[in-house]
C-alpha cells in the first residue's frame, strides 16, 4: 500500500502529528506503515496526517505521497521545502514541543548537562515500530546545534499552540542564544 494524499471521507480520523481531528473533505496525507498487530505477514496500516504535520513529522513519506498524487495541495511549494528540510536535517522530525522544565532531572541529549527547572526545553520524539515514542529533551539553547538548523520557531509554534506571545519571545531568544553554558557555580546562565 503506497503513501497517499486524498480528501478525508469522514471527520473521524485524528492526525498522528498534532492529535487533532482531520475535518471531512480536508486534504490529508496517509502514511502506510507496517501493521505489527496483523495476523498476515506484510500487512500495513494507514496513519493519517494534516499536510503540514506530515511535512514536519514524516517528511520522506510526505514527499513520496506527493509523487503519486494529483490532489490540489494548498501551499505545495512551501510544504515541499519544509519536508526537504526534514530530510536534509535528519533530527528535525524529532522536534515535538517546547515547554518549561518542571524539574531539573532531565539531561539534554545534545550537551548531556541537566536542564534547570523552569528553563525552556524542546521535547523529542523518535519514530520506531510505526509510532512516535518520547525520546528526551534538549535545552532550547542547544536546539540549533542538535537539529543542525536554527529555523525552528515555526515548527515549535505549530506543535505548541498554547505558547503566548511572551513565551514565543523568550523562547526565540533562547533558540538564538547558542549552546547552553552553565555558570562557574554550576547554575543556569539565566537563559
C-alpha atoms as a PDB file:
ATOM      1  CA  UNK A   1       0.000   0.000   0.000  1.00  0.00           C
ATOM      2  CA  UNK A   2       1.633   3.295  -1.041  1.00  0.00           C
ATOM      3  CA  UNK A   3       1.564   6.594   0.837  1.00  0.00           C
ATOM      4  CA  UNK A   4      -1.358   8.738  -0.355  1.00  0.00           C
ATOM      5  CA  UNK A   5      -2.757  12.243  -0.398  1.00  0.00           C
ATOM      6  CA  UNK A   6      -6.533  12.458  -0.562  1.00  0.00           C
ATOM      7  CA  UNK A   7      -9.589  14.238   0.750  1.00  0.00           C
ATOM      8  CA  UNK A   8     -10.893  12.881   4.055  1.00  0.00           C
ATOM      9  CA  UNK A   9     -14.049  10.844   3.510  1.00  0.00           C
ATOM     10  CA  UNK A  10     -15.199  11.377   7.109  1.00  0.00           C
ATOM     11  CA  UNK A  11     -14.172  13.593  10.016  1.00  0.00           C
ATOM     12  CA  UNK A  12     -13.277  10.680  12.290  1.00  0.00           C
ATOM     13  CA  UNK A  13      -9.527  10.376  11.705  1.00  0.00           C
ATOM     14  CA  UNK A  14      -7.100  12.135  14.013  1.00  0.00           C
ATOM     15  CA  UNK A  15      -3.777  13.490  12.839  1.00  0.00           C
ATOM     16  CA  UNK A  16      -0.868  11.420  14.177  1.00  0.00           C
ATOM     17  CA  UNK A  17       1.272  14.573  14.167  1.00  0.00           C
ATOM     18  CA  UNK A  18      -0.770  17.016  16.244  1.00  0.00           C
ATOM     19  CA  UNK A  19      -3.577  14.855  17.632  1.00  0.00           C
ATOM     20  CA  UNK A  20      -6.440  16.998  16.349  1.00  0.00           C
ATOM     21  CA  UNK A  21      -9.236  15.782  14.086  1.00  0.00           C
ATOM     22  CA  UNK A  22      -8.925  15.935  10.322  1.00  0.00           C
ATOM     23  CA  UNK A  23     -12.117  17.539   9.016  1.00  0.00           C
ATOM     24  CA  UNK A  24     -14.273  15.828   6.410  1.00  0.00           C
ATOM     25  CA  UNK A  25     -13.200  16.808   2.872  1.00  0.00           C
ATOM     26  CA  UNK A  26      -9.913  18.300   4.141  1.00  0.00           C
ATOM     27  CA  UNK A  27      -6.729  17.203   2.394  1.00  0.00           C
ATOM     28  CA  UNK A  28      -4.926  14.520   4.401  1.00  0.00           C
ATOM     29  CA  UNK A  29      -1.726  12.538   3.969  1.00  0.00           C
ATOM     30  CA  UNK A  30      -1.735   8.784   4.503  1.00  0.00           C
ATOM     31  CA  UNK A  31       1.483   7.189   5.718  1.00  0.00           C
ATOM     32  CA  UNK A  32       1.490   3.433   5.045  1.00  0.00           C
ATOM     33  CA  UNK A  33       3.265   1.700   7.938  1.00  0.00           C
ATOM     34  CA  UNK A  34       3.743  -1.952   8.909  1.00  0.00           C
ATOM     35  CA  UNK A  35       0.854  -3.294  10.982  1.00  0.00           C
ATOM     36  CA  UNK A  36       2.566  -5.083  13.839  1.00  0.00           C
ATOM     37  CA  UNK A  37      -0.721  -6.479  15.151  1.00  0.00           C
ATOM     38  CA  UNK A  38      -1.996  -8.124  11.966  1.00  0.00           C
ATOM     39  CA  UNK A  39      -2.056 -11.888  11.538  1.00  0.00           C
ATOM     40  CA  UNK A  40      -0.920 -11.626   7.921  1.00  0.00           C
ATOM     41  CA  UNK A  41       2.759 -11.183   7.071  1.00  0.00           C
ATOM     42  CA  UNK A  42       3.499  -7.797   5.473  1.00  0.00           C
ATOM     43  CA  UNK A  43       0.172  -6.218   6.473  1.00  0.00           C
ATOM     44  CA  UNK A  44       0.078  -2.430   6.577  1.00  0.00           C
ATOM     45  CA  UNK A  45      -1.957   0.237   8.322  1.00  0.00           C
ATOM     46  CA  UNK A  46      -2.576   3.818   7.242  1.00  0.00           C
ATOM     47  CA  UNK A  47      -1.688   6.658   9.599  1.00  0.00           C
ATOM     48  CA  UNK A  48      -3.305   9.986   8.707  1.00  0.00           C
ATOM     49  CA  UNK A  49      -1.777  13.461   8.993  1.00  0.00           C
ATOM     50  CA  UNK A  50      -2.616  17.049   8.148  1.00  0.00           C
ATOM     51  CA  UNK A  51      -0.321  18.032   5.238  1.00  0.00           C
ATOM     52  CA  UNK A  52       1.744  20.415   7.405  1.00  0.00           C
ATOM     53  CA  UNK A  53       2.093  17.815  10.176  1.00  0.00           C
ATOM     54  CA  UNK A  54       3.192  15.201   7.632  1.00  0.00           C
ATOM     55  CA  UNK A  55       5.775  17.581   6.160  1.00  0.00           C
ATOM     56  CA  UNK A  56       7.145  18.209   9.667  1.00  0.00           C
ATOM     57  CA  UNK A  57       6.925  14.713  11.212  1.00  0.00           C
ATOM     58  CA  UNK A  58       7.179  12.257   8.270  1.00  0.00           C
ATOM     59  CA  UNK A  59       8.986  14.184   5.507  1.00  0.00           C
ATOM     60  CA  UNK A  60      10.125  11.178   3.447  1.00  0.00           C
ATOM     61  CA  UNK A  61       6.637   9.658   3.398  1.00  0.00           C
ATOM     62  CA  UNK A  62       5.124  13.050   2.582  1.00  0.00           C
ATOM     63  CA  UNK A  63       7.431  13.554  -0.405  1.00  0.00           C
ATOM     64  CA  UNK A  64       6.744  10.012  -1.658  1.00  0.00           C
ATOM     65  CA  UNK A  65       2.984  10.613  -1.372  1.00  0.00           C
ATOM     66  CA  UNK A  66       3.323  13.828  -3.391  1.00  0.00           C
ATOM     67  CA  UNK A  67       4.997  11.974  -6.260  1.00  0.00           C
ATOM     68  CA  UNK A  68       1.935   9.861  -6.953  1.00  0.00           C
ATOM     69  CA  UNK A  69      -0.765  12.408  -6.151  1.00  0.00           C
ATOM     70  CA  UNK A  70      -2.840  14.667  -8.335  1.00  0.00           C
ATOM     71  CA  UNK A  71      -4.760  16.208  -5.394  1.00  0.00           C
ATOM     72  CA  UNK A  72      -4.640  20.002  -5.278  1.00  0.00           C
ATOM     73  CA  UNK A  73      -2.499  20.847  -2.244  1.00  0.00           C
ATOM     74  CA  UNK A  74      -2.559  24.446  -0.977  1.00  0.00           C
ATOM     75  CA  UNK A  75       0.943  25.820  -0.295  1.00  0.00           C
ATOM     76  CA  UNK A  76       2.519  22.835  -2.047  1.00  0.00           C
ATOM     77  CA  UNK A  77       5.896  24.514  -2.643  1.00  0.00           C
ATOM     78  CA  UNK A  78       6.196  25.632   0.993  1.00  0.00           C
ATOM     79  CA  UNK A  79       5.300  22.138   2.247  1.00  0.00           C
ATOM     80  CA  UNK A  80       7.846  20.550  -0.090  1.00  0.00           C
ATOM     81  CA  UNK A  81      10.518  22.944   1.237  1.00  0.00           C
ATOM     82  CA  UNK A  82       9.636  22.068   4.858  1.00  0.00           C
ATOM     83  CA  UNK A  83       9.770  18.347   4.105  1.00  0.00           C
ATOM     84  CA  UNK A  84      13.079  18.766   2.269  1.00  0.00           C
ATOM     85  CA  UNK A  85      14.482  20.472   5.386  1.00  0.00           C
ATOM     86  CA  UNK A  86      13.337  17.489   7.434  1.00  0.00           C
ATOM     87  CA  UNK A  87      15.104  15.105   5.069  1.00  0.00           C
ATOM     88  CA  UNK A  88      18.283  17.218   4.966  1.00  0.00           C
ATOM     89  CA  UNK A  89      18.389  17.584   8.775  1.00  0.00           C
ATOM     90  CA  UNK A  90      17.545  14.056   9.936  1.00  0.00           C
ATOM     91  CA  UNK A  91      16.886  15.081  13.565  1.00  0.00           C
ATOM     92  CA  UNK A  92      14.389  17.796  12.659  1.00  0.00           C
ATOM     93  CA  UNK A  93      11.341  15.471  12.504  1.00  0.00           C
ATOM     94  CA  UNK A  94      12.079  14.548  16.142  1.00  0.00           C
ATOM     95  CA  UNK A  95      11.036  18.015  17.351  1.00  0.00           C
ATOM     96  CA  UNK A  96       7.871  17.648  19.423  1.00  0.00           C
ATOM     97  CA  UNK A  97       7.072  20.735  21.520  1.00  0.00           C
ATOM     98  CA  UNK A  98       8.535  23.435  23.760  1.00  0.00           C
ATOM     99  CA  UNK A  99       7.898  23.567  27.476  1.00  0.00           C
ATOM    100  CA  UNK A 100       9.335  24.848  30.725  1.00  0.00           C
ATOM    101  CA  UNK A 101      11.175  22.108  32.629  1.00  0.00           C
ATOM    102  CA  UNK A 102       9.068  21.181  35.674  1.00  0.00           C
ATOM    103  CA  UNK A 103      12.140  19.779  37.483  1.00  0.00           C
ATOM    104  CA  UNK A 104      15.905  19.704  36.987  1.00  0.00           C
ATOM    105  CA  UNK A 105      16.079  15.922  36.491  1.00  0.00           C
ATOM    106  CA  UNK A 106      16.214  15.684  32.683  1.00  0.00           C
ATOM    107  CA  UNK A 107      19.553  15.876  30.892  1.00  0.00           C
ATOM    108  CA  UNK A 108      19.953  17.485  27.488  1.00  0.00           C
ATOM    109  CA  UNK A 109      20.512  14.963  24.664  1.00  0.00           C
ATOM    110  CA  UNK A 110      22.849  17.431  22.951  1.00  0.00           C
ATOM    111  CA  UNK A 111      25.223  18.532  25.729  1.00  0.00           C
ATOM    112  CA  UNK A 112      24.375  15.949  28.443  1.00  0.00           C
ATOM    113  CA  UNK A 113      24.012  18.695  31.102  1.00  0.00           C
ATOM    114  CA  UNK A 114      20.913  18.794  33.329  1.00  0.00           C
ATOM    115  CA  UNK A 115      18.165  21.133  32.158  1.00  0.00           C
ATOM    116  CA  UNK A 116      17.450  23.602  35.018  1.00  0.00           C
ATOM    117  CA  UNK A 117      13.952  23.847  36.460  1.00  0.00           C
ATOM    118  CA  UNK A 118      11.799  26.414  34.575  1.00  0.00           C
ATOM    119  CA  UNK A 119      14.261  26.615  31.652  1.00  0.00           C
ATOM    120  CA  UNK A 120      12.867  26.224  28.133  1.00  0.00           C
ATOM    121  CA  UNK A 121      13.394  22.759  26.709  1.00  0.00           C
ATOM    122  CA  UNK A 122      12.427  21.063  23.459  1.00  0.00           C
ATOM    123  CA  UNK A 123      10.803  17.638  23.787  1.00  0.00           C
ATOM    124  CA  UNK A 124      11.856  14.977  21.301  1.00  0.00           C
ATOM    125  CA  UNK A 125      10.069  12.057  19.668  1.00  0.00           C
ATOM    126  CA  UNK A 126      11.636   9.086  17.919  1.00  0.00           C
ATOM    127  CA  UNK A 127       9.773   7.203  15.182  1.00  0.00           C
ATOM    128  CA  UNK A 128      10.061   3.495  15.861  1.00  0.00           C
ATOM    129  CA  UNK A 129       7.882   0.448  15.304  1.00  0.00           C
ATOM    130  CA  UNK A 130       5.276   2.509  13.457  1.00  0.00           C
ATOM    131  CA  UNK A 131       4.700   5.057  16.213  1.00  0.00           C
ATOM    132  CA  UNK A 132       6.224   8.074  17.909  1.00  0.00           C
ATOM    133  CA  UNK A 133       7.932   7.454  21.241  1.00  0.00           C
ATOM    134  CA  UNK A 134       9.118  10.117  23.711  1.00  0.00           C
ATOM    135  CA  UNK A 135      12.889  10.456  23.484  1.00  0.00           C
ATOM    136  CA  UNK A 136      14.016  13.069  25.986  1.00  0.00           C
ATOM    137  CA  UNK A 137      14.773  16.759  25.728  1.00  0.00           C
ATOM    138  CA  UNK A 138      17.310  19.338  24.622  1.00  0.00           C
ATOM    139  CA  UNK A 139      17.933  22.784  26.085  1.00  0.00           C
ATOM    140  CA  UNK A 140      16.276  25.405  23.895  1.00  0.00           C
ATOM    141  CA  UNK A 141      19.732  26.952  23.668  1.00  0.00           C
ATOM    142  CA  UNK A 142      21.167  23.652  22.350  1.00  0.00           C
ATOM    143  CA  UNK A 143      18.363  23.109  19.823  1.00  0.00           C
ATOM    144  CA  UNK A 144      20.055  24.743  16.832  1.00  0.00           C
ATOM    145  CA  UNK A 145      23.153  22.604  17.365  1.00  0.00           C
ATOM    146  CA  UNK A 146      21.170  19.395  17.910  1.00  0.00           C
ATOM    147  CA  UNK A 147      18.820  19.884  14.937  1.00  0.00           C
ATOM    148  CA  UNK A 148      21.604  21.345  12.741  1.00  0.00           C
ATOM    149  CA  UNK A 149      19.424  24.323  11.832  1.00  0.00           C
ATOM    150  CA  UNK A 150      18.245  27.480  13.569  1.00  0.00           C
ATOM    151  CA  UNK A 151      14.943  27.594  11.670  1.00  0.00           C
ATOM    152  CA  UNK A 152      12.860  26.006  14.438  1.00  0.00           C
ATOM    153  CA  UNK A 153      10.377  28.549  15.767  1.00  0.00           C
ATOM    154  CA  UNK A 154       7.556  27.853  13.279  1.00  0.00           C
ATOM    155  CA  UNK A 155       7.750  24.110  14.000  1.00  0.00           C
ATOM    156  CA  UNK A 156       7.763  24.727  17.748  1.00  0.00           C
ATOM    157  CA  UNK A 157       4.776  27.064  17.497  1.00  0.00           C
ATOM    158  CA  UNK A 158       2.866  24.543  15.374  1.00  0.00           C
ATOM    159  CA  UNK A 159       3.280  21.739  17.916  1.00  0.00           C
ATOM    160  CA  UNK A 160       2.928  24.013  20.981  1.00  0.00           C
ATOM    161  CA  UNK A 161      -0.195  26.065  20.210  1.00  0.00           C
ATOM    162  CA  UNK A 162      -0.616  27.226  23.836  1.00  0.00           C
ATOM    163  CA  UNK A 163       2.503  29.425  23.692  1.00  0.00           C
ATOM    164  CA  UNK A 164       1.774  33.061  24.493  1.00  0.00           C
ATOM    165  CA  UNK A 165       3.456  35.952  22.676  1.00  0.00           C
ATOM    166  CA  UNK A 166       5.702  36.463  25.726  1.00  0.00           C
ATOM    167  CA  UNK A 167       6.618  32.754  25.673  1.00  0.00           C
ATOM    168  CA  UNK A 168       7.475  32.954  21.984  1.00  0.00           C
ATOM    169  CA  UNK A 169       9.661  35.997  22.583  1.00  0.00           C
ATOM    170  CA  UNK A 170      11.703  34.366  25.365  1.00  0.00           C
ATOM    171  CA  UNK A 171      11.848  31.055  23.533  1.00  0.00           C
ATOM    172  CA  UNK A 172      13.059  32.758  20.336  1.00  0.00           C
ATOM    173  CA  UNK A 173      15.791  34.463  22.356  1.00  0.00           C
ATOM    174  CA  UNK A 174      16.866  31.103  23.831  1.00  0.00           C
ATOM    175  CA  UNK A 175      16.800  29.367  20.440  1.00  0.00           C
ATOM    176  CA  UNK A 176      19.097  32.071  19.036  1.00  0.00           C
ATOM    177  CA  UNK A 177      21.414  32.206  22.074  1.00  0.00           C
ATOM    178  CA  UNK A 178      23.656  29.294  21.202  1.00  0.00           C
ATOM    179  CA  UNK A 179      24.670  26.230  23.196  1.00  0.00           C
ATOM    180  CA  UNK A 180      23.831  26.041  26.885  1.00  0.00           C
ATOM    181  CA  UNK A 181      26.626  27.081  29.216  1.00  0.00           C
ATOM    182  CA  UNK A 182      26.270  26.714  32.992  1.00  0.00           C
ATOM    183  CA  UNK A 183      27.964  29.335  35.149  1.00  0.00           C
ATOM    184  CA  UNK A 184      31.090  28.569  37.137  1.00  0.00           C
ATOM    185  CA  UNK A 185      28.946  27.768  40.192  1.00  0.00           C
ATOM    186  CA  UNK A 186      27.099  25.135  38.144  1.00  0.00           C
ATOM    187  CA  UNK A 187      23.926  27.195  37.969  1.00  0.00           C
ATOM    188  CA  UNK A 188      21.965  28.150  34.896  1.00  0.00           C
ATOM    189  CA  UNK A 189      23.312  31.089  32.937  1.00  0.00           C
ATOM    190  CA  UNK A 190      19.844  32.680  33.168  1.00  0.00           C
ATOM    191  CA  UNK A 191      18.568  31.595  29.789  1.00  0.00           C
END
